[in-house]
Amino acid sequence: MRSQIQEQLVIRIRKLSRAAGEKWYGIGYCPRKTEPVSKKERRRDHNRLGFAVQLCLLRYPGWPLGPTEDPPQNLLKFVAEQLGTDPAEVAEYSRRPQTRTDHAQELARLYRFRHYASPFPALLRAHLRAKAVGNEAAYTLMEVAFEWLRSQRVIVPAPTTLESLVRSVRNEIKRHIYDRIEEELTGEQKKTY
């Protein structure tokens, strides 16, 4: 199940203009026929297409396809066009969930995507703390988290993981602000506070 921000990112993908699609999923981002997509084990169009779509989704928004998830149609068409294949081939790719898992793992290895494990949770927390001082809105902090994870080539974790982290950072910042205010109060003001 996707979080609200993940759903917004998927909606953005569905609404991508051609220029934005080229920025995120153009030839520079989507593997060409000469890249690992065309290795012997991915010689069939449906595997090449699925592999390329997985790579594109890892790059933006930052997570691979789920076991039963279909890629946005505009992304699928855009990638299929670059690979010279039919977008309908994705149906064959979706028949074997293990293929998706295998491809996601291979992409992480080939393109050096990292899993959300130590030290990334602590680094992300520190980054969010710095950003939360000026703006503690949950939605904004979730966007900041997604952007930071993508910039570090870290695969986005489960939505509840990020939501929990953002909630924790927001509470920490609020406590810090209240503590700073309390420090500035006089003894008399503290009695009425």
N, C-alpha and C. Protein backbone atom coordinates (compact mmCIF):
# COMPACT_ATOMS: atom_id res chain seq x y z
N MET A 1 0.83 -1.18 0.00
CA MET A 1 0.00 0.00 0.00
C MET A 1 0.88 1.25 0.00
N ARG A 2 0.56 2.18 -0.86
CA ARG A 2 1.36 3.39 -0.99
C ARG A 2 0.89 4.46 -0.01
N SER A 3 1.83 5.32 0.38
CA SER A 3 1.49 6.47 1.21
C SER A 3 0.91 7.54 0.28
N GLN A 4 0.39 8.59 0.88
CA GLN A 4 -0.17 9.68 0.09
C GLN A 4 0.89 10.31 -0.81
N ILE A 5 2.08 10.49 -0.29
CA ILE A 5 3.13 11.10 -1.11
C ILE A 5 3.57 10.17 -2.23
N GLN A 6 3.62 8.87 -1.96
CA GLN A 6 3.97 7.94 -3.04
C GLN A 6 2.89 7.98 -4.12
N GLU A 7 1.64 8.06 -3.71
CA GLU A 7 0.55 8.13 -4.67
C GLU A 7 0.69 9.41 -5.51
N GLN A 8 1.08 10.52 -4.88
CA GLN A 8 1.29 11.77 -5.61
C GLN A 8 2.43 11.62 -6.63
N LEU A 9 3.49 10.92 -6.26
CA LEU A 9 4.60 10.70 -7.19
C LEU A 9 4.16 9.87 -8.39
N VAL A 10 3.35 8.86 -8.14
CA VAL A 10 2.84 8.03 -9.24
C VAL A 10 1.96 8.88 -10.15
N ILE A 11 1.14 9.74 -9.57
CA ILE A 11 0.30 10.63 -10.37
C ILE A 11 1.18 11.55 -11.21
N ARG A 12 2.27 12.06 -10.62
CA ARG A 12 3.20 12.90 -11.39
C ARG A 12 3.78 12.14 -12.57
N ILE A 13 4.12 10.88 -12.36
CA ILE A 13 4.66 10.07 -13.46
C ILE A 13 3.63 9.96 -14.57
N ARG A 14 2.38 9.72 -14.18
CA ARG A 14 1.31 9.57 -15.18
C ARG A 14 1.11 10.84 -15.98
N LYS A 15 1.42 11.99 -15.37
CA LYS A 15 1.20 13.28 -16.03
C LYS A 15 2.48 13.87 -16.64
N LEU A 16 3.56 13.12 -16.63
CA LEU A 16 4.83 13.65 -17.14
C LEU A 16 4.71 14.09 -18.59
N SER A 17 5.26 15.23 -18.86
CA SER A 17 5.33 15.70 -20.24
C SER A 17 6.44 14.91 -20.94
N ARG A 18 6.47 15.02 -22.23
CA ARG A 18 7.53 14.35 -22.99
C ARG A 18 8.91 14.83 -22.54
N ALA A 19 9.04 16.15 -22.33
CA ALA A 19 10.34 16.70 -21.92
C ALA A 19 10.74 16.16 -20.54
N ALA A 20 9.80 16.11 -19.61
CA ALA A 20 10.11 15.58 -18.28
C ALA A 20 10.42 14.09 -18.36
N GLY A 21 9.70 13.39 -19.22
CA GLY A 21 9.97 11.96 -19.42
C GLY A 21 11.38 11.74 -19.94
N GLU A 22 11.81 12.58 -20.86
CA GLU A 22 13.17 12.46 -21.38
C GLU A 22 14.20 12.77 -20.30
N LYS A 23 13.86 13.70 -19.41
CA LYS A 23 14.79 14.04 -18.32
C LYS A 23 15.00 12.82 -17.42
N TRP A 24 13.91 12.19 -17.00
CA TRP A 24 14.00 11.08 -16.05
C TRP A 24 14.21 9.73 -16.71
N TYR A 25 13.62 9.53 -17.88
CA TYR A 25 13.61 8.19 -18.48
C TYR A 25 14.15 8.15 -19.89
N GLY A 26 14.84 9.21 -20.31
CA GLY A 26 15.39 9.24 -21.66
C GLY A 26 16.54 8.28 -21.82
N ILE A 27 17.09 8.25 -23.00
CA ILE A 27 18.16 7.31 -23.34
C ILE A 27 19.27 7.33 -22.29
N GLY A 28 19.57 8.49 -21.74
CA GLY A 28 20.60 8.56 -20.71
C GLY A 28 20.21 7.82 -19.44
N TYR A 29 18.92 7.66 -19.21
CA TYR A 29 18.45 7.00 -17.99
C TYR A 29 17.91 5.61 -18.25
N CYS A 30 17.36 5.41 -19.41
CA CYS A 30 16.80 4.11 -19.75
C CYS A 30 17.85 3.34 -20.55
N PRO A 31 18.13 2.11 -20.18
CA PRO A 31 19.19 1.37 -20.86
C PRO A 31 18.94 1.23 -22.36
N ARG A 32 19.99 1.34 -23.12
CA ARG A 32 19.91 1.10 -24.56
C ARG A 32 20.01 -0.39 -24.83
N LYS A 33 19.82 -0.76 -26.05
CA LYS A 33 19.89 -2.18 -26.41
C LYS A 33 21.28 -2.77 -26.14
N THR A 34 22.29 -1.91 -26.06
CA THR A 34 23.65 -2.41 -25.83
C THR A 34 23.99 -2.53 -24.35
N GLU A 35 23.13 -2.00 -23.47
CA GLU A 35 23.38 -2.07 -22.03
C GLU A 35 22.86 -3.40 -21.48
N PRO A 36 23.01 -3.63 -20.17
CA PRO A 36 22.65 -4.92 -19.59
C PRO A 36 21.25 -5.43 -19.90
N VAL A 37 20.35 -4.55 -20.32
CA VAL A 37 19.00 -4.98 -20.67
C VAL A 37 19.01 -6.05 -21.76
N SER A 38 20.00 -6.03 -22.63
CA SER A 38 19.99 -6.96 -23.76
C SER A 38 20.85 -8.20 -23.53
N LYS A 39 21.30 -8.43 -22.30
CA LYS A 39 22.08 -9.63 -22.04
C LYS A 39 21.28 -10.87 -22.43
N LYS A 40 21.96 -11.96 -22.59
CA LYS A 40 21.33 -13.19 -23.05
C LYS A 40 20.08 -13.54 -22.24
N GLU A 41 20.17 -13.40 -20.90
CA GLU A 41 19.02 -13.78 -20.07
C GLU A 41 17.84 -12.83 -20.23
N ARG A 42 18.03 -11.69 -20.92
CA ARG A 42 16.94 -10.76 -21.17
C ARG A 42 16.82 -10.52 -22.68
N ARG A 43 16.93 -11.58 -23.41
CA ARG A 43 16.89 -11.40 -24.87
C ARG A 43 15.47 -11.23 -25.37
N ARG A 44 14.48 -11.66 -24.58
CA ARG A 44 13.09 -11.49 -25.02
C ARG A 44 12.61 -10.08 -24.68
N ASP A 45 11.77 -9.57 -25.55
CA ASP A 45 11.29 -8.19 -25.40
C ASP A 45 10.65 -7.92 -24.05
N HIS A 46 9.84 -8.86 -23.54
CA HIS A 46 9.14 -8.59 -22.29
C HIS A 46 10.12 -8.45 -21.12
N ASN A 47 11.21 -9.20 -21.13
CA ASN A 47 12.20 -9.07 -20.06
C ASN A 47 13.02 -7.79 -20.21
N ARG A 48 13.37 -7.45 -21.44
CA ARG A 48 14.10 -6.20 -21.65
C ARG A 48 13.25 -5.01 -21.21
N LEU A 49 11.98 -5.03 -21.59
CA LEU A 49 11.07 -3.94 -21.23
C LEU A 49 10.88 -3.86 -19.72
N GLY A 50 10.59 -4.97 -19.10
CA GLY A 50 10.40 -4.98 -17.65
C GLY A 50 11.63 -4.52 -16.90
N PHE A 51 12.79 -4.99 -17.34
CA PHE A 51 14.05 -4.60 -16.71
C PHE A 51 14.26 -3.09 -16.83
N ALA A 52 14.02 -2.55 -18.01
CA ALA A 52 14.20 -1.11 -18.24
C ALA A 52 13.21 -0.29 -17.42
N VAL A 53 11.97 -0.73 -17.34
CA VAL A 53 10.96 -0.02 -16.55
C VAL A 53 11.36 -0.03 -15.08
N GLN A 54 11.84 -1.18 -14.60
CA GLN A 54 12.29 -1.26 -13.21
C GLN A 54 13.42 -0.26 -12.95
N LEU A 55 14.37 -0.17 -13.87
CA LEU A 55 15.47 0.76 -13.71
C LEU A 55 14.95 2.20 -13.68
N CYS A 56 14.06 2.52 -14.58
CA CYS A 56 13.50 3.88 -14.62
C CYS A 56 12.79 4.22 -13.31
N LEU A 57 12.02 3.28 -12.78
CA LEU A 57 11.31 3.55 -11.53
C LEU A 57 12.25 3.63 -10.33
N LEU A 58 13.33 2.89 -10.37
CA LEU A 58 14.32 3.02 -9.30
C LEU A 58 14.94 4.42 -9.32
N ARG A 59 15.15 4.95 -10.51
CA ARG A 59 15.74 6.28 -10.62
C ARG A 59 14.75 7.36 -10.23
N TYR A 60 13.51 7.24 -10.63
CA TYR A 60 12.44 8.15 -10.22
C TYR A 60 11.13 7.41 -10.36
N PRO A 61 10.42 7.24 -9.28
CA PRO A 61 10.44 7.93 -8.00
C PRO A 61 11.38 7.34 -6.94
N GLY A 62 11.93 6.15 -7.16
CA GLY A 62 12.90 5.64 -6.20
C GLY A 62 12.61 4.26 -5.66
N TRP A 63 11.62 3.58 -6.21
CA TRP A 63 11.33 2.22 -5.77
C TRP A 63 10.96 1.36 -6.97
N PRO A 64 11.21 0.05 -6.89
CA PRO A 64 10.86 -0.84 -8.00
C PRO A 64 9.37 -1.17 -7.99
N LEU A 65 8.93 -1.81 -9.04
CA LEU A 65 7.54 -2.26 -9.09
C LEU A 65 7.26 -3.27 -7.99
N GLY A 66 6.09 -3.15 -7.39
CA GLY A 66 5.66 -4.15 -6.42
C GLY A 66 5.23 -5.41 -7.14
N PRO A 67 5.01 -6.49 -6.39
CA PRO A 67 4.69 -7.79 -7.00
C PRO A 67 3.48 -7.78 -7.93
N THR A 68 2.48 -6.95 -7.63
CA THR A 68 1.27 -6.94 -8.46
C THR A 68 1.03 -5.58 -9.11
N GLU A 69 2.02 -4.71 -9.03
CA GLU A 69 1.88 -3.35 -9.52
C GLU A 69 2.16 -3.26 -11.02
N ASP A 70 1.34 -2.49 -11.71
CA ASP A 70 1.56 -2.22 -13.13
C ASP A 70 2.22 -0.85 -13.26
N PRO A 71 3.15 -0.72 -14.19
CA PRO A 71 3.78 0.60 -14.37
C PRO A 71 2.79 1.57 -15.01
N PRO A 72 2.96 2.87 -14.77
CA PRO A 72 2.11 3.86 -15.44
C PRO A 72 2.23 3.70 -16.96
N GLN A 73 1.11 3.80 -17.65
CA GLN A 73 1.08 3.55 -19.09
C GLN A 73 1.96 4.49 -19.89
N ASN A 74 2.00 5.78 -19.51
CA ASN A 74 2.83 6.70 -20.29
C ASN A 74 4.31 6.36 -20.15
N LEU A 75 4.73 5.94 -18.96
CA LEU A 75 6.12 5.50 -18.77
C LEU A 75 6.40 4.26 -19.59
N LEU A 76 5.48 3.32 -19.55
CA LEU A 76 5.63 2.07 -20.28
C LEU A 76 5.77 2.33 -21.78
N LYS A 77 4.92 3.18 -22.31
CA LYS A 77 4.98 3.51 -23.75
C LYS A 77 6.30 4.21 -24.09
N PHE A 78 6.70 5.12 -23.24
CA PHE A 78 7.93 5.88 -23.47
C PHE A 78 9.14 4.95 -23.50
N VAL A 79 9.22 4.04 -22.54
CA VAL A 79 10.36 3.12 -22.46
C VAL A 79 10.31 2.12 -23.62
N ALA A 80 9.12 1.60 -23.91
CA ALA A 80 8.96 0.64 -25.01
C ALA A 80 9.39 1.27 -26.34
N GLU A 81 9.04 2.52 -26.53
CA GLU A 81 9.43 3.23 -27.75
C GLU A 81 10.95 3.30 -27.87
N GLN A 82 11.62 3.58 -26.76
CA GLN A 82 13.09 3.67 -26.79
C GLN A 82 13.74 2.33 -27.08
N LEU A 83 13.10 1.27 -26.60
CA LEU A 83 13.65 -0.07 -26.81
C LEU A 83 13.18 -0.71 -28.10
N GLY A 84 12.23 -0.06 -28.78
CA GLY A 84 11.71 -0.60 -30.03
C GLY A 84 10.87 -1.85 -29.82
N THR A 85 10.08 -1.86 -28.76
CA THR A 85 9.24 -3.02 -28.47
C THR A 85 7.81 -2.57 -28.18
N ASP A 86 6.91 -3.51 -28.10
CA ASP A 86 5.50 -3.25 -27.86
C ASP A 86 5.24 -3.14 -26.35
N PRO A 87 4.56 -2.06 -25.91
CA PRO A 87 4.27 -1.92 -24.49
C PRO A 87 3.45 -3.08 -23.92
N ALA A 88 2.69 -3.76 -24.76
CA ALA A 88 1.87 -4.88 -24.30
C ALA A 88 2.73 -6.04 -23.79
N GLU A 89 4.02 -6.04 -24.12
CA GLU A 89 4.93 -7.10 -23.66
C GLU A 89 5.02 -7.14 -22.13
N VAL A 90 4.66 -6.03 -21.48
CA VAL A 90 4.77 -5.99 -20.02
C VAL A 90 3.84 -7.01 -19.37
N ALA A 91 2.78 -7.39 -20.03
CA ALA A 91 1.87 -8.40 -19.47
C ALA A 91 2.60 -9.72 -19.26
N GLU A 92 3.43 -10.10 -20.20
CA GLU A 92 4.23 -11.32 -20.06
C GLU A 92 5.24 -11.18 -18.93
N TYR A 93 5.83 -10.01 -18.82
CA TYR A 93 6.81 -9.76 -17.76
C TYR A 93 6.16 -9.90 -16.37
N SER A 94 4.91 -9.48 -16.27
CA SER A 94 4.21 -9.50 -14.98
C SER A 94 3.78 -10.89 -14.55
N ARG A 95 3.84 -11.87 -15.42
CA ARG A 95 3.36 -13.22 -15.08
C ARG A 95 4.22 -13.93 -14.05
N ARG A 96 5.49 -13.59 -13.98
CA ARG A 96 6.39 -14.29 -13.06
C ARG A 96 6.96 -13.31 -12.05
N PRO A 97 6.36 -13.25 -10.85
CA PRO A 97 6.83 -12.28 -9.83
C PRO A 97 8.31 -12.43 -9.48
N GLN A 98 8.84 -13.63 -9.55
CA GLN A 98 10.25 -13.84 -9.20
C GLN A 98 11.17 -13.08 -10.15
N THR A 99 10.74 -12.94 -11.40
CA THR A 99 11.54 -12.18 -12.37
C THR A 99 11.70 -10.74 -11.92
N ARG A 100 10.61 -10.15 -11.44
CA ARG A 100 10.67 -8.77 -10.96
C ARG A 100 11.66 -8.65 -9.81
N THR A 101 11.58 -9.59 -8.88
CA THR A 101 12.48 -9.58 -7.72
C THR A 101 13.92 -9.73 -8.17
N ASP A 102 14.16 -10.70 -9.05
CA ASP A 102 15.52 -10.94 -9.55
C ASP A 102 16.06 -9.70 -10.25
N HIS A 103 15.22 -9.07 -11.07
CA HIS A 103 15.66 -7.88 -11.81
C HIS A 103 15.94 -6.72 -10.85
N ALA A 104 15.08 -6.53 -9.86
CA ALA A 104 15.30 -5.44 -8.89
C ALA A 104 16.63 -5.63 -8.17
N GLN A 105 16.92 -6.86 -7.80
CA GLN A 105 18.19 -7.14 -7.11
C GLN A 105 19.38 -6.92 -8.05
N GLU A 106 19.24 -7.36 -9.27
CA GLU A 106 20.33 -7.18 -10.22
C GLU A 106 20.56 -5.70 -10.55
N LEU A 107 19.47 -4.95 -10.69
CA LEU A 107 19.60 -3.52 -10.94
C LEU A 107 20.30 -2.81 -9.79
N ALA A 108 19.94 -3.19 -8.58
CA ALA A 108 20.59 -2.59 -7.40
C ALA A 108 22.09 -2.84 -7.45
N ARG A 109 22.46 -4.04 -7.84
CA ARG A 109 23.89 -4.38 -7.91
C ARG A 109 24.56 -3.66 -9.08
N LEU A 110 23.98 -3.73 -10.27
CA LEU A 110 24.59 -3.15 -11.47
C LEU A 110 24.73 -1.63 -11.40
N TYR A 111 23.69 -0.98 -10.89
CA TYR A 111 23.66 0.48 -10.90
C TYR A 111 23.94 1.08 -9.52
N ARG A 112 24.39 0.24 -8.62
CA ARG A 112 24.80 0.65 -7.27
C ARG A 112 23.71 1.35 -6.48
N PHE A 113 22.49 0.86 -6.61
CA PHE A 113 21.43 1.32 -5.72
C PHE A 113 21.63 0.60 -4.40
N ARG A 114 21.36 1.32 -3.33
CA ARG A 114 21.60 0.73 -2.01
C ARG A 114 20.29 0.58 -1.26
N HIS A 115 20.26 -0.37 -0.37
CA HIS A 115 19.07 -0.59 0.44
C HIS A 115 19.07 0.37 1.62
N TYR A 116 17.91 0.65 2.12
CA TYR A 116 17.74 1.56 3.25
C TYR A 116 18.14 0.83 4.53
N ALA A 117 19.42 0.83 4.79
CA ALA A 117 20.00 0.20 5.97
C ALA A 117 21.13 1.10 6.46
N SER A 118 21.71 0.77 7.59
CA SER A 118 22.76 1.58 8.18
C SER A 118 23.85 1.89 7.13
N PRO A 119 24.23 3.12 7.01
CA PRO A 119 24.05 4.30 7.86
C PRO A 119 22.93 5.23 7.39
N PHE A 120 22.15 4.84 6.37
CA PHE A 120 21.21 5.75 5.73
C PHE A 120 20.07 6.24 6.62
N PRO A 121 19.49 5.42 7.49
CA PRO A 121 18.45 5.97 8.36
C PRO A 121 18.95 7.13 9.23
N ALA A 122 20.14 7.00 9.81
CA ALA A 122 20.69 8.07 10.66
C ALA A 122 21.04 9.30 9.82
N LEU A 123 21.60 9.09 8.64
CA LEU A 123 21.93 10.22 7.77
C LEU A 123 20.68 10.95 7.29
N LEU A 124 19.65 10.18 6.95
CA LEU A 124 18.40 10.80 6.52
C LEU A 124 17.77 11.57 7.69
N ARG A 125 17.80 11.00 8.88
CA ARG A 125 17.25 11.69 10.06
C ARG A 125 17.96 13.04 10.25
N ALA A 126 19.28 13.06 10.16
CA ALA A 126 20.03 14.30 10.32
C ALA A 126 19.66 15.31 9.23
N HIS A 127 19.51 14.83 8.00
CA HIS A 127 19.13 15.70 6.89
C HIS A 127 17.74 16.28 7.12
N LEU A 128 16.81 15.45 7.57
CA LEU A 128 15.45 15.92 7.82
C LEU A 128 15.40 16.91 8.98
N ARG A 129 16.20 16.67 10.00
CA ARG A 129 16.26 17.61 11.13
C ARG A 129 16.66 19.00 10.64
N ALA A 130 17.68 19.05 9.79
CA ALA A 130 18.15 20.33 9.27
C ALA A 130 17.07 21.02 8.43
N LYS A 131 16.32 20.26 7.67
CA LYS A 131 15.28 20.83 6.82
C LYS A 131 14.01 21.17 7.60
N ALA A 132 13.76 20.46 8.69
CA ALA A 132 12.52 20.63 9.45
C ALA A 132 12.48 21.91 10.24
N VAL A 133 13.64 22.47 10.56
CA VAL A 133 13.68 23.69 11.35
C VAL A 133 12.94 24.81 10.62
N GLY A 134 13.11 24.92 9.34
CA GLY A 134 12.45 25.96 8.57
C GLY A 134 11.05 25.59 8.10
N ASN A 135 10.77 24.31 8.01
CA ASN A 135 9.47 23.86 7.51
C ASN A 135 9.21 22.46 8.04
N GLU A 136 8.31 22.35 8.97
CA GLU A 136 8.06 21.05 9.57
C GLU A 136 6.82 20.34 9.00
N ALA A 137 6.28 20.81 7.89
CA ALA A 137 5.11 20.17 7.28
C ALA A 137 5.46 18.74 6.88
N ALA A 138 4.61 17.81 7.25
CA ALA A 138 4.87 16.39 7.00
C ALA A 138 5.05 16.10 5.51
N TYR A 139 4.18 16.65 4.69
CA TYR A 139 4.25 16.39 3.25
C TYR A 139 5.58 16.89 2.69
N THR A 140 5.97 18.08 3.09
CA THR A 140 7.23 18.65 2.61
C THR A 140 8.41 17.79 3.05
N LEU A 141 8.40 17.34 4.31
CA LEU A 141 9.49 16.51 4.79
C LEU A 141 9.53 15.16 4.08
N MET A 142 8.37 14.62 3.73
CA MET A 142 8.35 13.37 2.96
C MET A 142 8.99 13.60 1.59
N GLU A 143 8.66 14.72 0.95
CA GLU A 143 9.28 15.03 -0.34
C GLU A 143 10.80 15.19 -0.20
N VAL A 144 11.22 15.86 0.87
CA VAL A 144 12.65 16.04 1.13
C VAL A 144 13.31 14.67 1.30
N ALA A 145 12.64 13.78 2.02
CA ALA A 145 13.18 12.42 2.24
C ALA A 145 13.33 11.68 0.91
N PHE A 146 12.29 11.74 0.07
CA PHE A 146 12.36 11.07 -1.23
C PHE A 146 13.50 11.63 -2.08
N GLU A 147 13.62 12.95 -2.11
CA GLU A 147 14.68 13.57 -2.91
C GLU A 147 16.06 13.17 -2.40
N TRP A 148 16.23 13.17 -1.08
CA TRP A 148 17.53 12.81 -0.51
C TRP A 148 17.87 11.35 -0.80
N LEU A 149 16.89 10.47 -0.64
CA LEU A 149 17.12 9.04 -0.92
C LEU A 149 17.52 8.84 -2.38
N ARG A 150 16.82 9.51 -3.29
CA ARG A 150 17.18 9.39 -4.71
C ARG A 150 18.59 9.92 -4.96
N SER A 151 18.93 11.04 -4.34
CA SER A 151 20.26 11.61 -4.57
C SER A 151 21.37 10.70 -4.04
N GLN A 152 21.06 9.89 -3.05
CA GLN A 152 22.03 8.95 -2.47
C GLN A 152 21.95 7.56 -3.11
N ARG A 153 21.04 7.40 -4.08
CA ARG A 153 20.80 6.12 -4.76
C ARG A 153 20.39 5.04 -3.76
N VAL A 154 19.54 5.44 -2.82
CA VAL A 154 19.01 4.52 -1.83
C VAL A 154 17.58 4.18 -2.23
N ILE A 155 17.28 2.91 -2.28
CA ILE A 155 15.92 2.47 -2.63
C ILE A 155 14.98 2.90 -1.52
N VAL A 156 13.90 3.54 -1.91
CA VAL A 156 12.93 4.06 -0.95
C VAL A 156 12.32 2.89 -0.16
N PRO A 157 12.33 3.00 1.18
CA PRO A 157 11.75 1.93 2.00
C PRO A 157 10.22 1.98 2.02
N ALA A 158 9.63 1.10 2.77
CA ALA A 158 8.17 1.05 2.90
C ALA A 158 7.64 2.40 3.38
N PRO A 159 6.47 2.80 2.91
CA PRO A 159 5.92 4.11 3.28
C PRO A 159 5.83 4.31 4.80
N THR A 160 5.45 3.29 5.52
CA THR A 160 5.32 3.44 6.97
C THR A 160 6.66 3.76 7.63
N THR A 161 7.74 3.28 7.06
CA THR A 161 9.08 3.56 7.60
C THR A 161 9.39 5.04 7.50
N LEU A 162 9.16 5.62 6.33
CA LEU A 162 9.43 7.05 6.16
C LEU A 162 8.45 7.91 6.95
N GLU A 163 7.19 7.52 6.96
CA GLU A 163 6.20 8.28 7.71
C GLU A 163 6.55 8.30 9.19
N SER A 164 6.99 7.18 9.71
CA SER A 164 7.38 7.09 11.11
C SER A 164 8.59 7.99 11.39
N LEU A 165 9.57 7.97 10.50
CA LEU A 165 10.75 8.81 10.65
C LEU A 165 10.38 10.29 10.62
N VAL A 166 9.55 10.68 9.67
CA VAL A 166 9.13 12.08 9.55
C VAL A 166 8.36 12.50 10.81
N ARG A 167 7.47 11.66 11.27
CA ARG A 167 6.70 11.96 12.48
C ARG A 167 7.66 12.15 13.68
N SER A 168 8.63 11.27 13.80
CA SER A 168 9.60 11.34 14.88
C SER A 168 10.42 12.62 14.82
N VAL A 169 10.88 12.98 13.63
CA VAL A 169 11.68 14.21 13.46
C VAL A 169 10.82 15.43 13.78
N ARG A 170 9.59 15.45 13.32
CA ARG A 170 8.70 16.58 13.60
C ARG A 170 8.49 16.74 15.10
N ASN A 171 8.26 15.64 15.80
CA ASN A 171 8.07 15.69 17.25
C ASN A 171 9.35 16.17 17.95
N GLU A 172 10.47 15.70 17.48
CA GLU A 172 11.76 16.10 18.05
C GLU A 172 11.98 17.61 17.88
N ILE A 173 11.67 18.13 16.71
CA ILE A 173 11.83 19.57 16.44
C ILE A 173 10.87 20.37 17.32
N LYS A 174 9.63 19.92 17.44
CA LYS A 174 8.66 20.62 18.29
C LYS A 174 9.15 20.66 19.74
N ARG A 175 9.64 19.51 20.24
CA ARG A 175 10.16 19.47 21.61
C ARG A 175 11.33 20.45 21.77
N HIS A 176 12.19 20.47 20.78
CA HIS A 176 13.35 21.36 20.82
C HIS A 176 12.89 22.83 20.86
N ILE A 177 11.92 23.18 20.06
CA ILE A 177 11.40 24.55 20.03
C ILE A 177 10.77 24.91 21.38
N TYR A 178 9.95 24.00 21.92
CA TYR A 178 9.32 24.25 23.21
C TYR A 178 10.37 24.40 24.31
N ASP A 179 11.41 23.57 24.26
CA ASP A 179 12.48 23.66 25.25
C ASP A 179 13.20 25.00 25.15
N ARG A 180 13.46 25.45 23.94
CA ARG A 180 14.14 26.74 23.76
C ARG A 180 13.28 27.88 24.25
N ILE A 181 11.99 27.81 24.00
CA ILE A 181 11.09 28.86 24.48
C ILE A 181 11.07 28.86 26.00
N GLU A 182 10.97 27.68 26.58
CA GLU A 182 10.93 27.57 28.04
C GLU A 182 12.20 28.11 28.68
N GLU A 183 13.34 27.87 28.05
CA GLU A 183 14.61 28.40 28.57
C GLU A 183 14.60 29.92 28.64
N GLU A 184 13.91 30.56 27.74
CA GLU A 184 13.87 32.02 27.68
C GLU A 184 12.87 32.64 28.65
N LEU A 185 11.98 31.83 29.19
CA LEU A 185 10.97 32.36 30.11
C LEU A 185 11.58 32.68 31.46
N THR A 186 11.10 33.73 32.07
CA THR A 186 11.52 34.06 33.43
C THR A 186 10.80 33.14 34.41
N GLY A 187 11.26 33.14 35.65
CA GLY A 187 10.61 32.32 36.68
C GLY A 187 9.14 32.64 36.81
N GLU A 188 8.80 33.92 36.75
CA GLU A 188 7.39 34.38 36.86
C GLU A 188 6.59 33.88 35.66
N GLN A 189 7.17 33.97 34.49
CA GLN A 189 6.46 33.52 33.28
C GLN A 189 6.25 32.01 33.32
N LYS A 190 7.20 31.27 33.86
CA LYS A 190 7.08 29.81 33.95
C LYS A 190 5.95 29.43 34.89
N LYS A 191 5.69 30.22 35.94
CA LYS A 191 4.61 29.92 36.88
C LYS A 191 3.27 30.02 36.19
N THR A 192 3.12 30.99 35.30
CA THR A 192 1.84 31.16 34.60
C THR A 192 1.76 30.30 33.35
N TYR A 193 2.86 29.76 32.96
CA TYR A 193 2.97 28.91 31.75
C TYR A 193 2.51 27.54 32.10
